[in-house]
C-alpha atoms as a PDB file:
ATOM      1  CA  MET A   1       7.900  17.980 -11.306  1.00  0.00           C
ATOM      2  CA  ALA A   2       7.054  19.404  -7.924  1.00  0.00           C
ATOM      3  CA  GLN A   3      10.106  20.607  -6.017  1.00  0.00           C
ATOM      4  CA  ASN A   4       8.860  19.359  -2.645  1.00  0.00           C
ATOM      5  CA  GLU A   5       7.899  15.860  -3.775  1.00  0.00           C
ATOM      6  CA  PRO A   6       9.656  12.928  -2.090  1.00  0.00           C
ATOM      7  CA  SER A   7      13.054  12.129  -3.605  1.00  0.00           C
ATOM      8  CA  GLU A   8      12.074   8.550  -4.466  1.00  0.00           C
ATOM      9  CA  VAL A   9       9.141   9.813  -6.555  1.00  0.00           C
ATOM     10  CA  ARG A  10      11.318  12.357  -8.349  1.00  0.00           C
ATOM     11  CA  ALA A  11      13.908   9.643  -9.070  1.00  0.00           C
ATOM     12  CA  MET A  12      11.271   7.312 -10.518  1.00  0.00           C
ATOM     13  CA  LYS A  13       9.892  10.063 -12.755  1.00  0.00           C
ATOM     14  CA  GLU A  14      13.368  10.881 -14.054  1.00  0.00           C
ATOM     15  CA  SER A  15      14.141   7.205 -14.609  1.00  0.00           C
ATOM     16  CA  LEU A  16      10.892   6.689 -16.539  1.00  0.00           C
ATOM     17  CA  GLN A  17      11.734   9.581 -18.854  1.00  0.00           C
ATOM     18  CA  ALA A  18      15.268   8.250 -19.389  1.00  0.00           C
ATOM     19  CA  LYS A  19      13.938   4.768 -20.263  1.00  0.00           C
ATOM     20  CA  THR A  20      11.054   5.846 -22.498  1.00  0.00           C
ATOM     21  CA  GLY A  21      12.005   9.285 -23.804  1.00  0.00           C
ATOM     22  CA  LYS A  22       8.657  10.637 -22.596  1.00  0.00           C
ATOM     23  CA  PRO A  23       8.309  12.973 -19.627  1.00  0.00           C
ATOM     24  CA  PHE A  24       6.258  11.706 -16.697  1.00  0.00           C
ATOM     25  CA  ASP A  25       3.446  14.212 -17.296  1.00  0.00           C
ATOM     26  CA  GLU A  26       3.031  12.799 -20.802  1.00  0.00           C
ATOM     27  CA  TRP A  27       2.531   9.324 -19.321  1.00  0.00           C
ATOM     28  CA  VAL A  28      -0.170  10.696 -17.037  1.00  0.00           C
ATOM     29  CA  GLU A  29      -1.887  12.223 -20.082  1.00  0.00           C
ATOM     30  CA  ILE A  30      -1.635   8.902 -21.962  1.00  0.00           C
ATOM     31  CA  ALA A  31      -3.331   7.227 -18.985  1.00  0.00           C
ATOM     32  CA  ARG A  32      -5.989   9.970 -18.823  1.00  0.00           C
ATOM     33  CA  ALA A  33      -6.684   9.620 -22.564  1.00  0.00           C
ATOM     34  CA  SER A  34      -7.447   5.920 -22.043  1.00  0.00           C
ATOM     35  CA  LYS A  35     -10.582   7.076 -20.173  1.00  0.00           C
ATOM     36  CA  LEU A  36     -10.235   4.107 -17.826  1.00  0.00           C
ATOM     37  CA  ALA A  37     -11.804   4.786 -14.443  1.00  0.00           C
ATOM     38  CA  LYS A  38     -10.088   2.315 -12.098  1.00  0.00           C
ATOM     39  CA  HIS A  39      -6.530   2.129 -10.847  1.00  0.00           C
ATOM     40  CA  GLY A  40      -6.138  -1.550 -11.776  1.00  0.00           C
ATOM     41  CA  GLU A  41      -7.432  -0.943 -15.307  1.00  0.00           C
ATOM     42  CA  VAL A  42      -4.929   1.883 -15.878  1.00  0.00           C
ATOM     43  CA  LEU A  43      -2.150  -0.259 -14.442  1.00  0.00           C
ATOM     44  CA  LYS A  44      -2.955  -3.142 -16.802  1.00  0.00           C
ATOM     45  CA  TYR A  45      -3.328  -0.776 -19.767  1.00  0.00           C
ATOM     46  CA  LEU A  46       0.065   0.846 -19.228  1.00  0.00           C
ATOM     47  CA  LYS A  47       1.792  -2.485 -18.685  1.00  0.00           C
ATOM     48  CA  ASP A  48       0.116  -4.374 -21.537  1.00  0.00           C
ATOM     49  CA  ASN A  49      -0.148  -1.622 -24.153  1.00  0.00           C
ATOM     50  CA  HIS A  50       2.914   0.473 -23.381  1.00  0.00           C
ATOM     51  CA  GLY A  51       5.325  -1.989 -21.768  1.00  0.00           C
ATOM     52  CA  LEU A  52       5.746  -0.068 -18.517  1.00  0.00           C
ATOM     53  CA  GLY A  53       6.952  -1.989 -15.498  1.00  0.00           C
ATOM     54  CA  HIS A  54       4.652  -2.354 -12.521  1.00  0.00           C
ATOM     55  CA  GLY A  55       6.315   0.348 -10.427  1.00  0.00           C
ATOM     56  CA  TYR A  56       6.173   2.976 -13.175  1.00  0.00           C
ATOM     57  CA  ALA A  57       2.601   2.104 -14.174  1.00  0.00           C
ATOM     58  CA  ASN A  58       1.563   2.201 -10.514  1.00  0.00           C
ATOM     59  CA  LEU A  59       3.088   5.658 -10.017  1.00  0.00           C
ATOM     60  CA  VAL A  60       1.339   6.977 -13.137  1.00  0.00           C
ATOM     61  CA  ALA A  61      -2.015   5.521 -12.010  1.00  0.00           C
ATOM     62  CA  HIS A  62      -1.638   6.880  -8.484  1.00  0.00           C
ATOM     63  CA  THR A  63      -0.798  10.296  -9.896  1.00  0.00           C
ATOM     64  CA  LEU A  64      -3.775  10.189 -12.248  1.00  0.00           C
ATOM     65  CA  PHE A  65      -6.184   9.353  -9.432  1.00  0.00           C
ATOM     66  CA  ALA A  66      -4.288  11.254  -6.678  1.00  0.00           C
ATOM     67  CA  SER A  67      -4.566   8.116  -4.562  1.00  0.00           C
ATOM     68  CA  ALA A  68      -1.139   7.595  -2.992  1.00  0.00           C
ATOM     69  CA  ALA A  69       0.313   9.448  -0.076  1.00  0.00           C
ATOM     70  CA  VAL A  70       3.767   8.953  -1.581  1.00  0.00           C
ATOM     71  CA  LEU A  71       2.736  11.763  -3.943  1.00  0.00           C
ATOM     72  CA  SER A  72       1.634  13.941  -1.065  1.00  0.00           C
ATOM     73  CA  TYR A  73       3.667  16.332   0.992  1.00  0.00           C
ATOM     74  CA  ASP A  74       1.797  15.237   4.101  1.00  0.00           C
ATOM     75  CA  ARG A  75       1.741  11.441   4.244  1.00  0.00           C
ATOM     76  CA  ASP A  76       0.002  11.490   7.615  1.00  0.00           C
ATOM     77  CA  ALA A  77      -3.082  13.092   6.057  1.00  0.00           C
ATOM     78  CA  PHE A  78      -4.250   9.796   4.524  1.00  0.00           C
ATOM     79  CA  ILE A  79      -3.903   8.010   7.868  1.00  0.00           C
ATOM     80  CA  GLU A  80      -5.842  10.744   9.640  1.00  0.00           C
ATOM     81  CA  GLN A  81      -8.616  10.460   7.031  1.00  0.00           C
ATOM     82  CA  GLN A  82      -8.757   6.667   7.351  1.00  0.00           C
ATOM     83  CA  TYR A  83      -9.328   6.865  11.104  1.00  0.00           C
ATOM     84  CA  ALA A  84     -11.716   9.805  11.171  1.00  0.00           C
ATOM     85  CA  GLY A  85     -15.401   9.812  12.034  1.00  0.00           C
ATOM     86  CA  ALA A  86     -16.995   6.428  12.657  1.00  0.00           C
ATOM     87  CA  LYS A  87     -13.605   4.663  12.357  1.00  0.00           C
ATOM     88  CA  ALA A  88     -11.798   6.849  14.918  1.00  0.00           C
ATOM     89  CA  ALA A  89     -12.075   4.191  17.625  1.00  0.00           C
ATOM     90  CA  LEU A  90      -9.990   1.831  15.468  1.00  0.00           C
ATOM     91  CA  ARG A  91      -6.877   4.039  15.502  1.00  0.00           C
ATOM     92  CA  PRO A  92      -5.325   2.296  18.569  1.00  0.00           C
ATOM     93  CA  ILE A  93      -5.349  -0.980  16.610  1.00  0.00           C
ATOM     94  CA  TYR A  94      -3.411   0.634  13.747  1.00  0.00           C
ATOM     95  CA  ASP A  95      -0.997   2.294  16.182  1.00  0.00           C
ATOM     96  CA  LYS A  96      -0.293  -0.969  18.026  1.00  0.00           C
ATOM     97  CA  VAL A  97       0.297  -3.037  14.869  1.00  0.00           C
ATOM     98  CA  LEU A  98       2.544  -0.317  13.472  1.00  0.00           C
ATOM     99  CA  SER A  99       4.593   0.003  16.670  1.00  0.00           C
ATOM    100  CA  ILE A 100       5.143  -3.765  16.770  1.00  0.00           C
ATOM    101  CA  VAL A 101       6.279  -3.887  13.149  1.00  0.00           C
ATOM    102  CA  LEU A 102       8.590  -0.883  13.540  1.00  0.00           C
ATOM    103  CA  ALA A 103      10.281  -2.670  16.446  1.00  0.00           C
ATOM    104  CA  PHE A 104      11.326  -5.465  14.055  1.00  0.00           C
ATOM    105  CA  GLY A 105      13.883  -3.205  12.378  1.00  0.00           C
ATOM    106  CA  ASP A 106      14.602   0.231  10.980  1.00  0.00           C
ATOM    107  CA  ASP A 107      14.132  -0.894   7.385  1.00  0.00           C
ATOM    108  CA  VAL A 108      10.318  -0.675   7.314  1.00  0.00           C
ATOM    109  CA  GLU A 109       8.817   1.816   4.867  1.00  0.00           C
ATOM    110  CA  ILE A 110       5.366   3.155   5.692  1.00  0.00           C
ATOM    111  CA  ALA A 111       3.375   3.944   2.543  1.00  0.00           C
ATOM    112  CA  PRO A 112      -0.088   5.347   3.292  1.00  0.00           C
ATOM    113  CA  MET A 113      -2.650   5.040   0.514  1.00  0.00           C
ATOM    114  CA  LYS A 114      -6.157   6.431   0.406  1.00  0.00           C
ATOM    115  CA  ALA A 115      -7.836   3.421   2.031  1.00  0.00           C
ATOM    116  CA  TYR A 116      -4.988   1.509   3.721  1.00  0.00           C
ATOM    117  CA  VAL A 117      -1.360   1.689   4.820  1.00  0.00           C
ATOM    118  CA  SER A 118       1.211  -0.511   3.113  1.00  0.00           C
ATOM    119  CA  LEU A 119       4.314  -1.640   4.994  1.00  0.00           C
ATOM    120  CA  ARG A 120       7.368  -2.647   2.975  1.00  0.00           C
ATOM    121  CA  ARG A 121      10.957  -3.724   3.259  1.00  0.00           C
ATOM    122  CA  LYS A 122      12.366  -4.635  -0.133  1.00  0.00           C
ATOM    123  CA  LYS A 123       8.774  -5.497  -1.018  1.00  0.00           C
ATOM    124  CA  GLN A 124       5.368  -5.098   0.560  1.00  0.00           C
ATOM    125  CA  PHE A 125       4.608  -7.565   3.322  1.00  0.00           C
ATOM    126  CA  LEU A 126       1.684  -6.040   5.238  1.00  0.00           C
ATOM    127  CA  CYS A 127      -1.354  -3.793   4.737  1.00  0.00           C
ATOM    128  CA  ILE A 128      -3.467  -2.275   7.483  1.00  0.00           C
ATOM    129  CA  GLN A 129      -6.962  -1.158   6.512  1.00  0.00           C
ATOM    130  CA  PRO A 130      -9.899   0.083   8.581  1.00  0.00           C
ATOM    131  CA  SER A 131     -12.475  -1.921   6.626  1.00  0.00           C
ATOM    132  CA  THR A 132     -15.584  -1.194   8.675  1.00  0.00           C
ATOM    133  CA  LYS A 133     -16.395   0.991  11.678  1.00  0.00           C
ATOM    134  CA  ASP A 134     -15.811  -2.106  13.839  1.00  0.00           C
ATOM    135  CA  ARG A 135     -12.876  -3.856  12.154  1.00  0.00           C
ATOM    136  CA  VAL A 136      -9.349  -3.408  10.880  1.00  0.00           C
ATOM    137  CA  ASP A 137      -8.117  -5.932   8.334  1.00  0.00           C
ATOM    138  CA  VAL A 138      -4.431  -6.798   8.495  1.00  0.00           C
ATOM    139  CA  GLY A 139      -3.347  -8.078   5.091  1.00  0.00           C
ATOM    140  CA  ILE A 140      -0.305 -10.342   5.265  1.00  0.00           C
ATOM    141  CA  LYS A 141       1.900 -11.646   2.479  1.00  0.00           C
ATOM    142  CA  LEU A 142       2.372 -15.322   3.329  1.00  0.00           C
ATOM    143  CA  LYS A 143       2.621 -17.149   0.015  1.00  0.00           C
ATOM    144  CA  GLY A 144       2.018 -20.856   0.402  1.00  0.00           C
ATOM    145  CA  ALA A 145       0.606 -20.636   3.943  1.00  0.00           C
ATOM    146  CA  ALA A 146      -2.496 -22.722   4.477  1.00  0.00           C
ATOM    147  CA  PRO A 147      -5.508 -20.667   5.495  1.00  0.00           C
ATOM    148  CA  THR A 148      -7.058 -21.251   8.888  1.00  0.00           C
ATOM    149  CA  GLU A 149     -10.286 -20.189  10.530  1.00  0.00           C
ATOM    150  CA  ARG A 150      -8.506 -16.952  11.494  1.00  0.00           C
ATOM    151  CA  LEU A 151      -5.876 -16.547   8.749  1.00  0.00           C
ATOM    152  CA  LEU A 152      -8.206 -16.012   5.818  1.00  0.00           C
ATOM    153  CA  GLU A 153      -7.042 -16.538   2.251  1.00  0.00           C
ATOM    154  CA  GLY A 154      -7.021 -13.555  -0.066  1.00  0.00           C
ATOM    155  CA  GLY A 155      -7.525 -10.031   0.980  1.00  0.00           C
ATOM    156  CA  PHE A 156      -8.497  -6.498   0.143  1.00  0.00           C
ATOM    157  CA  ASN A 157      -5.243  -5.909  -1.719  1.00  0.00           C
ATOM    158  CA  GLY A 158      -3.738  -8.014  -4.490  1.00  0.00           C
ATOM    159  CA  MET A 159      -0.287  -7.665  -2.944  1.00  0.00           C
ATOM    160  CA  VAL A 160      -1.179  -9.756   0.126  1.00  0.00           C
ATOM    161  CA  SER A 161      -2.100 -13.428   0.196  1.00  0.00           C
ATOM    162  CA  HIS A 162      -4.029 -13.563   3.490  1.00  0.00           C
ATOM    163  CA  HIS A 163      -5.792 -11.326   5.980  1.00  0.00           C
ATOM    164  CA  VAL A 164      -6.793 -11.357   9.620  1.00  0.00           C
ATOM    165  CA  ARG A 165      -9.804  -9.490  10.981  1.00  0.00           C
ATOM    166  CA  VAL A 166      -8.947  -7.427  14.054  1.00  0.00           C
ATOM    167  CA  ASN A 167     -11.821  -6.025  16.103  1.00  0.00           C
ATOM    168  CA  THR A 168     -10.056  -5.228  19.392  1.00  0.00           C
ATOM    169  CA  LEU A 169      -6.554  -4.722  20.746  1.00  0.00           C
ATOM    170  CA  ASP A 170      -6.827  -8.219  22.275  1.00  0.00           C
ATOM    171  CA  ASP A 171      -6.947  -9.660  18.748  1.00  0.00           C
ATOM    172  CA  ILE A 172      -3.320  -8.546  18.331  1.00  0.00           C
ATOM    173  CA  ASP A 173      -1.950 -11.665  19.969  1.00  0.00           C
ATOM    174  CA  GLU A 174       1.081 -13.937  19.666  1.00  0.00           C
ATOM    175  CA  GLN A 175      -0.431 -15.844  16.744  1.00  0.00           C
ATOM    176  CA  LEU A 176      -1.011 -12.693  14.693  1.00  0.00           C
ATOM    177  CA  LEU A 177       2.436 -11.375  15.628  1.00  0.00           C
ATOM    178  CA  ALA A 178       4.032 -14.623  14.436  1.00  0.00           C
ATOM    179  CA  TRP A 179       2.339 -14.294  11.019  1.00  0.00           C
ATOM    180  CA  ILE A 180       3.363 -10.647  10.762  1.00  0.00           C
ATOM    181  CA  ARG A 181       6.963 -11.492  11.712  1.00  0.00           C
ATOM    182  CA  GLN A 182       7.040 -14.313   9.136  1.00  0.00           C
ATOM    183  CA  ALA A 183       5.867 -11.871   6.441  1.00  0.00           C
ATOM    184  CA  TYR A 184       8.435  -9.276   7.549  1.00  0.00           C
ATOM    185  CA  ASP A 185      11.245 -11.843   7.448  1.00  0.00           C
ATOM    186  CA  GLY A 186      10.141 -12.984   3.995  1.00  0.00           C
ATOM    187  CA  ALA A 187      10.198  -9.456   2.599  1.00  0.00           C
ATOM    188  CA  GLY A 188      13.868  -8.800   3.398  1.00  0.00           C
END
């Protein structure tokens, strides 16, 4: 295990070994030997064939594909990559949504991934993804909420139930903030 890795990652790796008797690196090799090429496939394989819980299987898959900033020593690097080049003009949208959510409370965890940023309390409630050079998608976990013309059902991430397309800072309005707040409240 890397000495500089985040403490929560180190704790999960140690816990996985204690529960299964196999070191974390062995689980990564088991996943690699499956020759599966997608994160979701590896996740399902580890859960279905080896009985790993979602969190452990997710950590193994992210390690295998080097796709989570939680494994990185520089979590900001993924965010910088997401908003580079043609998507650079979208960064103020991300910054504004993030600043609003962080004002809700000091219990928000920011978890950058390769393509999006996940926001969590006890569980994930929001994802922010620069989907095109002209649009950020805000994925919101609002189970049971009826979709509207603006609050679209489904999303780019299986952990959210809805998403809203944000093209400008003006799209971050009271309606969107109310949905985000509802998701935040529901994740506590």
